[in-house]
Protein backbone atom coordinates (compact mmCIF):
# COMPACT_ATOMS: atom_id res chain seq x y z
CA MET A 1 -39.96 24.91 10.38
CA SER A 2 -37.38 26.96 9.47
CA ALA A 3 -36.41 29.98 10.70
CA LEU A 4 -33.81 33.57 9.79
CA ASP A 5 -32.53 35.82 12.47
CA ALA A 6 -31.52 38.89 11.02
CA LYS A 7 -28.98 40.65 13.19
CA ALA A 8 -28.85 43.22 10.64
CA VAL A 9 -29.79 44.43 7.32
CA ILE A 10 -28.14 45.62 4.69
CA GLU A 11 -30.44 47.72 1.43
CA VAL A 12 -28.32 48.17 -2.16
CA ASP A 13 -29.53 48.92 -5.14
CA SER A 14 -27.88 46.90 -7.28
CA VAL A 15 -28.47 43.80 -7.46
CA ALA A 16 -24.61 42.70 -8.43
CA ALA A 17 -23.95 44.84 -5.78
CA LEU A 18 -26.23 41.93 -3.12
CA ARG A 19 -24.71 39.42 -5.29
CA GLN A 20 -21.40 40.33 -4.28
CA ILE A 21 -22.43 40.53 -0.64
CA VAL A 22 -23.77 37.20 -0.64
CA LYS A 23 -20.76 35.72 -2.45
CA SER A 24 -18.47 37.45 0.47
CA GLY A 25 -20.32 35.20 3.07
CA ILE A 26 -22.25 38.43 4.50
CA GLY A 27 -25.42 37.11 4.49
CA VAL A 28 -28.66 35.72 2.86
CA ALA A 29 -30.64 36.71 0.13
CA ALA A 30 -33.93 36.73 -2.65
CA ILE A 31 -32.35 37.28 -5.72
CA PRO A 32 -34.06 36.32 -9.16
CA ARG A 33 -32.52 32.91 -9.92
CA PHE A 34 -32.20 33.87 -13.78
CA LEU A 35 -29.75 36.17 -12.12
CA VAL A 36 -27.88 33.74 -10.35
CA ARG A 37 -27.56 30.39 -12.57
CA ASN A 38 -24.02 31.18 -13.33
CA ASN A 39 -23.47 31.28 -9.80
CA LEU A 40 -25.52 28.17 -8.79
CA GLN A 41 -24.18 26.26 -11.53
CA ASP A 42 -20.04 26.78 -10.52
CA GLY A 43 -21.02 26.42 -6.86
CA SER A 44 -19.71 30.08 -5.61
CA LEU A 45 -23.35 30.36 -4.72
CA ILE A 46 -26.02 27.60 -3.29
CA ALA A 47 -29.75 28.01 -3.06
CA LEU A 48 -31.72 27.39 0.58
CA SER A 49 -33.81 25.36 1.61
CA LEU A 50 -36.90 27.13 3.29
CA ASP A 51 -40.82 26.92 4.30
CA TRP A 52 -41.24 30.04 3.02
CA THR A 53 -41.87 32.40 0.29
CA LEU A 54 -41.55 35.63 -0.84
CA MET A 55 -44.28 38.41 -1.05
CA SER A 56 -44.66 39.56 -5.57
CA PRO A 57 -42.94 42.97 -4.94
CA SER A 58 -45.23 45.42 -5.78
CA VAL A 59 -44.34 48.14 -9.36
CA TYR A 60 -46.36 52.12 -8.84
CA ILE A 61 -45.60 53.82 -12.22
CA VAL A 62 -46.92 57.59 -12.63
CA TRP A 63 -47.04 60.13 -15.82
CA PRO A 64 -48.45 63.01 -15.85
CA ASN A 65 -51.96 64.14 -17.23
CA ASN A 66 -50.24 65.36 -20.60
CA VAL A 67 -48.62 62.47 -21.85
CA SER A 68 -49.40 61.61 -25.14
CA LYS A 69 -50.67 57.77 -25.67
CA ASP A 70 -48.05 56.93 -27.89
CA SER A 71 -45.56 58.28 -26.01
CA LEU A 72 -42.37 55.82 -25.11
CA ARG A 73 -43.48 55.97 -21.13
CA LEU A 74 -47.42 55.15 -21.76
CA ARG A 75 -45.62 52.21 -24.43
CA PHE A 76 -43.39 50.21 -21.48
CA VAL A 77 -46.49 50.16 -19.03
CA ARG A 78 -48.64 48.79 -21.61
CA PHE A 79 -46.02 46.18 -22.50
CA PHE A 80 -46.17 45.75 -18.32
CA CYS A 81 -49.90 45.09 -18.16
CA ARG A 82 -49.73 42.56 -20.86
CA ALA A 83 -46.92 41.15 -19.28
CA ASN A 84 -50.05 39.91 -16.32
CA VAL A 85 -48.58 42.53 -14.46
CA PHE A 86 -50.91 43.99 -12.26
CA CYS A 87 -52.48 47.23 -13.89
CA VAL A 88 -54.32 49.80 -12.60
CA ASN A 89 -55.32 52.71 -14.86
């Protein structure tokens, strides 16, 4: 069984920053493959083979009741619902 023993946790709000941290050799990260495809191909990053998977992240979108049914915000939410993202009205 594989295990990761994290000594420290770094939180960032940018995938680009996270990718650079990992490329610098500071640690490991779970980054969607499509965002690091080029890095995997050129060898600047390697994919770890682990015996576990991450849970899917939750996304919560909240908007006021007075938003029009044709607003861009509501259309954005409907787009995610059509893309099979779990939605609650």
